Amino acid sequence: MDRMELRIFTEPQQGADYDTLARVAKTAEDLGYGAFFRSDHYLAMGGADGLPGPTDAWITLAGLARETSTIRLGTLVTAATFRLPGPLAIQVAQVDQMSGGRVEFGLGTGWFAEEHAAYGIPFPDNRFARLEEQLAVITGLWATRPGETFSHDGAHYRLTDSPALPKPAQDPVPVVIGGHGTTRTPRLAARYAAEFNMPFASLEDSARQFDRVRAAAVERGRAPEDLVYSNALVACVGRTDAEVARRAAAIGREVDELKANGLAGSPAEVVDKIGRYAEIGARRIYLQILDLDDLAHLELVAAQVRTQL
């Protein structure tokens, strides 16, 4: 079995400025994590006050592209409702160039109606169709050879004789698609994705969804193992029960719930549960880190979990 890769996944809309995110990203790089990812949201959720306010995903990653040197950078996931596909293709390509080819591009439909209302962003009903068309446009722009042009006449987007510039450093930029949808999501992943991510799901639900994606890949004439399969799970690890409880309280969660639905408990407990995800085919785990000031948490997981995988 390939070694499981651990990545750091942050939710800065809950309350984090750029400097906080940069500290986490640079710490993750120093500790040997595979990637630093962030959500793409503009409004806090639950009871969080969100202070000092939201940061933009691609502006953040552009800064981190210059402040880091080896760790991969990406989104889980960019909201297709937030940006037109042409400018988004330029943004991602530029950040990929700025990072020396370390970007991974997660794209999803956008789902949080309240943040759209709060910032005047349209929230259409046909978001999945728009997502599919955005993927066609963005990957089409990147794949257009220099000196040629790209045009697209779709239901939602029309591009005419685009020079399709700039090009990203990577050819291609890895696309990450994820979600719980049972039909259209696996088909979209089979068509466009280098990686399929199952967010916040049980072993049983993940196994079923991975099988759907594998079947969709075969239907498309693609080898199922051509995709990387991954999970995103909240992390709450401690050397002692008291340390686990302290970390759970800091993020407003209960230990038993975190153990049931995430990666919580002692390093040994977490290594065991990650092993069960590996058995169903997961090769990457995105550790959702909700207390971004607790860098000792990242150090503990790197020293006592990652080294045992």
Protein backbone atom coordinates (compact mmCIF):
# COMPACT_ATOMS: atom_id res chain seq x y z
CA MET A 1 0.00 0.00 0.00
CA ASP A 2 1.17 3.51 -0.79
CA ARG A 3 1.91 5.59 2.26
CA MET A 4 -1.00 7.73 3.42
CA GLU A 5 -0.43 11.46 2.93
CA LEU A 6 -1.68 13.94 5.53
CA ARG A 7 -2.69 17.44 4.48
CA ILE A 8 -3.80 20.46 6.49
CA PHE A 9 -7.24 21.90 5.73
CA THR A 10 -8.36 25.21 7.25
CA GLU A 11 -11.70 27.04 7.53
CA PRO A 12 -10.58 30.69 7.83
CA GLN A 13 -14.08 32.11 7.41
CA GLN A 14 -14.58 31.09 11.04
CA GLY A 15 -12.06 33.76 12.06
CA ALA A 16 -8.48 34.08 10.79
CA ASP A 17 -6.41 36.76 9.13
CA TYR A 18 -3.72 36.19 6.51
CA ASP A 19 -0.87 36.23 9.04
CA THR A 20 -2.52 33.40 10.99
CA LEU A 21 -2.94 31.35 7.84
CA ALA A 22 0.66 31.99 6.82
CA ARG A 23 1.89 30.74 10.22
CA VAL A 24 -0.13 27.56 9.84
CA ALA A 25 1.02 26.99 6.25
CA LYS A 26 4.69 27.55 7.04
CA THR A 27 4.46 25.34 10.13
CA ALA A 28 2.80 22.62 8.05
CA GLU A 29 5.58 22.90 5.48
CA ASP A 30 8.29 22.69 8.13
CA LEU A 31 6.63 19.63 9.68
CA GLY A 32 6.44 17.75 6.37
CA TYR A 33 2.71 17.79 5.66
CA GLY A 34 1.84 17.26 2.01
CA ALA A 35 -0.30 20.32 1.43
CA PHE A 36 -2.03 23.35 2.91
CA PHE A 37 -5.62 23.77 1.76
CA ARG A 38 -8.30 26.25 2.69
CA SER A 39 -12.02 26.61 2.23
CA ASP A 40 -13.50 29.28 -0.05
CA HIS A 41 -16.14 31.05 2.06
CA TYR A 42 -16.96 34.66 2.89
CA LEU A 43 -19.20 34.17 5.94
CA ALA A 44 -18.69 32.44 9.28
CA MET A 45 -20.90 29.47 10.12
CA GLY A 46 -22.49 28.36 13.35
CA GLY A 47 -21.80 30.50 16.40
CA ALA A 48 -18.44 31.91 15.26
CA ASP A 49 -18.11 35.69 15.02
CA GLY A 50 -15.74 35.39 12.05
CA LEU A 51 -13.52 38.20 13.28
CA PRO A 52 -11.54 39.92 11.86
CA GLY A 53 -13.51 39.02 8.71
CA PRO A 54 -13.09 36.85 5.63
CA THR A 55 -9.98 36.40 3.53
CA ASP A 56 -10.15 35.56 -0.16
CA ALA A 57 -8.99 32.07 -1.05
CA TRP A 58 -6.93 32.88 -4.13
CA ILE A 59 -5.42 36.07 -2.73
CA THR A 60 -4.37 34.02 0.31
CA LEU A 61 -2.85 31.28 -1.85
CA ALA A 62 -1.02 33.85 -3.98
CA GLY A 63 0.65 35.20 -0.86
CA LEU A 64 1.49 31.72 0.38
CA ALA A 65 2.89 30.83 -3.04
CA ARG A 66 5.69 33.32 -2.35
CA GLU A 67 6.07 32.63 1.39
CA THR A 68 6.43 28.85 1.06
CA SER A 69 8.64 26.76 -1.17
CA THR A 70 7.69 23.07 -1.14
CA ILE A 71 4.21 22.49 0.29
CA ARG A 72 1.34 22.11 -2.16
CA LEU A 73 -1.49 24.65 -2.03
CA GLY A 74 -5.16 24.40 -2.88
CA THR A 75 -8.85 24.84 -2.15
CA LEU A 76 -11.50 22.51 -0.77
CA VAL A 77 -13.27 23.86 -2.66
CA THR A 78 -13.47 27.01 -4.74
CA ALA A 79 -17.10 28.05 -5.23
CA ALA A 80 -18.05 28.20 -8.90
CA THR A 81 -20.63 30.86 -8.04
CA PHE A 82 -17.99 33.33 -6.84
CA ARG A 83 -16.01 33.87 -10.05
CA LEU A 84 -16.42 33.78 -13.81
CA PRO A 85 -14.48 30.86 -15.32
CA GLY A 86 -12.22 32.96 -17.55
CA PRO A 87 -10.84 35.17 -14.77
CA LEU A 88 -10.68 32.17 -12.44
CA ALA A 89 -8.53 30.28 -14.95
CA ILE A 90 -6.18 33.29 -15.01
CA GLN A 91 -6.06 33.50 -11.21
CA VAL A 92 -5.28 29.82 -10.68
CA ALA A 93 -2.72 29.76 -13.50
CA GLN A 94 -0.98 32.81 -12.05
CA VAL A 95 -0.84 31.36 -8.53
CA ASP A 96 0.49 28.11 -9.99
CA GLN A 97 3.24 30.08 -11.73
CA MET A 98 3.95 32.06 -8.55
CA SER A 99 4.32 28.83 -6.58
CA GLY A 100 6.50 27.04 -9.11
CA GLY A 101 3.76 24.53 -9.93
CA ARG A 102 2.37 23.63 -6.49
CA VAL A 103 -1.34 24.40 -6.92
CA GLU A 104 -4.22 21.92 -6.78
CA PHE A 105 -7.61 23.19 -7.88
CA GLY A 106 -10.71 22.05 -6.03
CA LEU A 107 -13.94 23.34 -7.57
CA GLY A 108 -17.50 22.90 -6.36
CA THR A 109 -20.96 24.31 -6.93
CA GLY A 110 -21.13 26.76 -4.03
CA TRP A 111 -23.87 25.99 -1.50
CA PHE A 112 -24.03 28.55 1.34
CA ALA A 113 -26.90 30.83 0.34
CA GLU A 114 -26.41 33.26 3.24
CA GLU A 115 -22.88 34.25 2.22
CA HIS A 116 -24.07 34.98 -1.30
CA ALA A 117 -26.80 37.23 0.08
CA ALA A 118 -24.38 38.92 2.48
CA TYR A 119 -21.96 39.94 -0.29
CA GLY A 120 -24.29 40.41 -3.24
CA ILE A 121 -23.26 37.26 -5.11
CA PRO A 122 -25.94 35.68 -7.35
CA PHE A 123 -27.09 32.25 -6.14
CA PRO A 124 -28.68 30.55 -9.17
CA ASP A 125 -30.73 27.36 -9.09
CA ASN A 126 -28.73 25.57 -11.81
CA ARG A 127 -25.41 25.53 -9.97
CA PHE A 128 -24.34 22.00 -10.93
CA ALA A 129 -24.74 22.76 -14.63
CA ARG A 130 -22.68 25.91 -14.15
CA LEU A 131 -19.99 23.92 -12.32
CA GLU A 132 -19.78 21.43 -15.16
CA GLU A 133 -19.49 24.22 -17.72
CA GLN A 134 -16.86 26.04 -15.66
CA LEU A 135 -14.73 22.89 -15.60
CA ALA A 136 -15.02 22.60 -19.38
CA VAL A 137 -14.02 26.25 -19.84
CA ILE A 138 -11.16 26.33 -17.33
CA THR A 139 -9.55 23.07 -18.40
CA GLY A 140 -10.14 24.00 -22.03
CA LEU A 141 -8.34 27.32 -21.60
CA TRP A 142 -5.38 25.66 -19.92
CA ALA A 143 -5.16 22.91 -22.55
CA THR A 144 -5.18 25.32 -25.53
CA ARG A 145 -1.76 25.36 -27.13
CA PRO A 146 0.17 28.65 -27.22
CA GLY A 147 -0.62 30.56 -30.38
CA GLU A 148 -4.07 28.98 -30.69
CA THR A 149 -7.37 30.35 -29.38
CA PHE A 150 -10.21 28.94 -27.31
CA SER A 151 -13.92 29.53 -27.86
CA HIS A 152 -16.89 28.19 -25.94
CA ASP A 153 -20.59 28.66 -26.66
CA GLY A 154 -22.43 27.23 -23.68
CA ALA A 155 -25.70 27.70 -21.87
CA HIS A 156 -24.10 29.86 -19.18
CA TYR A 157 -20.73 31.06 -20.50
CA ARG A 158 -19.52 32.25 -23.89
CA LEU A 159 -15.89 32.88 -24.77
CA THR A 160 -14.78 34.05 -28.22
CA ASP A 161 -11.25 33.66 -29.58
CA SER A 162 -9.57 33.73 -26.18
CA PRO A 163 -5.75 33.65 -26.33
CA ALA A 164 -6.12 31.28 -23.34
CA LEU A 165 -3.30 32.91 -21.41
CA PRO A 166 -1.53 32.68 -19.06
CA LYS A 167 -0.63 29.02 -18.81
CA PRO A 168 -0.12 27.40 -15.41
CA ALA A 169 3.29 25.96 -14.58
CA GLN A 170 1.80 22.47 -14.35
CA ASP A 171 0.35 20.67 -17.35
CA PRO A 172 -2.22 19.86 -16.19
CA VAL A 173 -3.07 21.47 -12.86
CA PRO A 174 -4.54 18.66 -10.71
CA VAL A 175 -8.31 19.11 -10.37
CA VAL A 176 -10.02 17.97 -7.16
CA ILE A 177 -13.74 17.18 -7.23
CA GLY A 178 -15.66 15.90 -4.25
CA GLY A 179 -19.01 15.49 -2.63
CA HIS A 180 -21.78 13.09 -1.69
CA GLY A 181 -23.85 13.20 -4.91
CA THR A 182 -24.43 9.68 -6.17
CA THR A 183 -24.73 10.17 -9.95
CA ARG A 184 -23.53 13.44 -11.45
CA THR A 185 -20.62 13.97 -9.03
CA PRO A 186 -18.88 10.64 -9.79
CA ARG A 187 -19.32 11.24 -13.52
CA LEU A 188 -17.83 14.72 -13.26
CA ALA A 189 -14.89 13.36 -11.25
CA ALA A 190 -14.29 10.63 -13.80
CA ARG A 191 -14.18 13.22 -16.56
CA TYR A 192 -12.11 16.00 -15.01
CA ALA A 193 -10.52 15.05 -11.69
CA ALA A 194 -7.08 13.91 -10.69
CA GLU A 195 -8.48 13.38 -7.18
CA PHE A 196 -11.86 12.59 -5.69
CA ASN A 197 -12.46 13.88 -2.16
CA MET A 198 -15.16 12.63 0.20
CA PRO A 199 -15.74 15.28 2.88
CA PHE A 200 -16.82 14.46 6.44
CA ALA A 201 -18.18 11.00 5.73
CA SER A 202 -18.20 7.64 7.46
CA LEU A 203 -16.14 4.70 6.30
CA GLU A 204 -19.27 3.05 4.89
CA ASP A 205 -20.45 6.11 2.96
CA SER A 206 -16.92 6.78 1.71
CA ALA A 207 -16.50 3.21 0.48
CA ARG A 208 -19.78 3.37 -1.44
CA GLN A 209 -18.91 6.71 -3.01
CA PHE A 210 -15.38 5.62 -3.95
CA ASP A 211 -16.94 2.60 -5.68
CA ARG A 212 -19.31 4.88 -7.61
CA VAL A 213 -16.37 6.99 -8.77
CA ARG A 214 -14.42 3.89 -9.79
CA ALA A 215 -17.42 2.65 -11.78
CA ALA A 216 -17.82 6.04 -13.46
CA ALA A 217 -14.14 6.00 -14.39
CA VAL A 218 -14.50 2.57 -16.00
CA GLU A 219 -17.59 3.77 -17.87
CA ARG A 220 -15.53 6.64 -19.24
CA GLY A 221 -12.71 4.32 -20.28
CA ARG A 222 -10.42 5.45 -17.52
CA ALA A 223 -8.54 3.24 -15.06
CA PRO A 224 -10.07 3.66 -11.58
CA GLU A 225 -6.61 3.80 -10.03
CA ASP A 226 -5.85 6.82 -12.20
CA LEU A 227 -7.62 8.91 -9.55
CA VAL A 228 -6.44 9.59 -6.01
CA TYR A 229 -9.16 8.99 -3.42
CA SER A 230 -9.17 11.14 -0.29
CA ASN A 231 -11.18 12.11 2.78
CA ALA A 232 -11.53 15.30 4.77
CA LEU A 233 -12.06 14.78 8.51
CA VAL A 234 -11.92 17.05 11.55
CA ALA A 235 -8.85 16.42 13.71
CA CYS A 236 -8.66 16.54 17.51
CA VAL A 237 -5.65 14.62 18.80
CA GLY A 238 -4.10 14.61 22.27
CA ARG A 239 -1.56 12.65 24.27
CA THR A 240 -4.03 12.31 27.13
CA ASP A 241 -7.80 12.31 27.54
CA ALA A 242 -7.54 15.73 29.15
CA GLU A 243 -5.64 17.12 26.17
CA VAL A 244 -8.22 15.72 23.75
CA ALA A 245 -11.01 17.23 25.83
CA ARG A 246 -9.27 20.60 25.93
CA ARG A 247 -8.87 20.65 22.16
CA ALA A 248 -12.49 19.59 21.64
CA ALA A 249 -13.73 22.34 23.96
CA ALA A 250 -11.61 24.91 22.10
CA ILE A 251 -13.55 24.20 18.89
CA GLY A 252 -16.93 23.83 20.58
CA ARG A 253 -17.30 20.09 19.99
CA GLU A 254 -17.85 16.97 22.10
CA VAL A 255 -15.17 14.29 22.30
CA ASP A 256 -17.53 11.36 21.66
CA GLU A 257 -18.99 13.07 18.59
CA LEU A 258 -15.53 13.84 17.25
CA LYS A 259 -14.42 10.23 17.78
CA ALA A 260 -17.50 9.00 15.92
CA ASN A 261 -17.34 11.43 13.01
CA GLY A 262 -13.72 12.56 12.79
CA LEU A 263 -10.16 11.73 13.79
CA ALA A 264 -10.10 12.22 17.53
CA GLY A 265 -8.40 10.67 20.51
CA SER A 266 -4.89 9.47 21.15
CA PRO A 267 -2.33 9.21 18.35
CA ALA A 268 -2.81 5.42 18.39
CA GLU A 269 -6.59 5.74 18.03
CA VAL A 270 -6.20 8.14 15.13
CA VAL A 271 -3.58 5.99 13.38
CA ASP A 272 -5.97 3.03 13.65
CA LYS A 273 -8.90 4.95 12.17
CA ILE A 274 -6.79 6.37 9.34
CA GLY A 275 -5.77 2.79 8.60
CA ARG A 276 -9.42 1.86 8.14
CA TYR A 277 -9.84 4.66 5.59
CA ALA A 278 -6.73 3.39 3.84
CA GLU A 279 -8.33 -0.06 3.58
CA ILE A 280 -11.19 1.35 1.46
CA GLY A 281 -8.74 3.09 -0.86
CA ALA A 282 -8.11 6.54 0.62
CA ARG A 283 -4.58 7.75 -0.04
CA ARG A 284 -4.84 11.27 1.39
CA ILE A 285 -6.48 12.63 4.51
CA TYR A 286 -7.24 16.34 4.84
CA LEU A 287 -7.09 17.16 8.54
CA GLN A 288 -9.63 19.89 9.22
CA ILE A 289 -7.85 22.10 11.77
CA LEU A 290 -10.31 24.47 13.41
CA ASP A 291 -8.10 26.03 16.12
CA LEU A 292 -5.51 27.79 13.99
CA ASP A 293 -3.60 29.13 16.98
CA ASP A 294 -2.80 25.63 18.28
CA LEU A 295 0.36 24.91 16.31
CA ALA A 296 1.32 22.29 18.93
CA HIS A 297 -1.57 20.21 17.57
CA LEU A 298 0.10 20.10 14.14
CA GLU A 299 3.41 19.20 15.80
CA LEU A 300 1.85 16.32 17.74
CA VAL A 301 0.14 14.85 14.68
CA ALA A 302 3.31 15.14 12.62
CA ALA A 303 5.43 13.46 15.30
CA GLN A 304 3.09 10.72 16.52
CA VAL A 305 0.55 10.09 13.74
CA ARG A 306 2.14 10.89 10.40
CA THR A 307 5.32 8.95 11.21
CA GLN A 308 3.26 5.77 11.86
CA LEU A 309 1.37 5.75 8.57
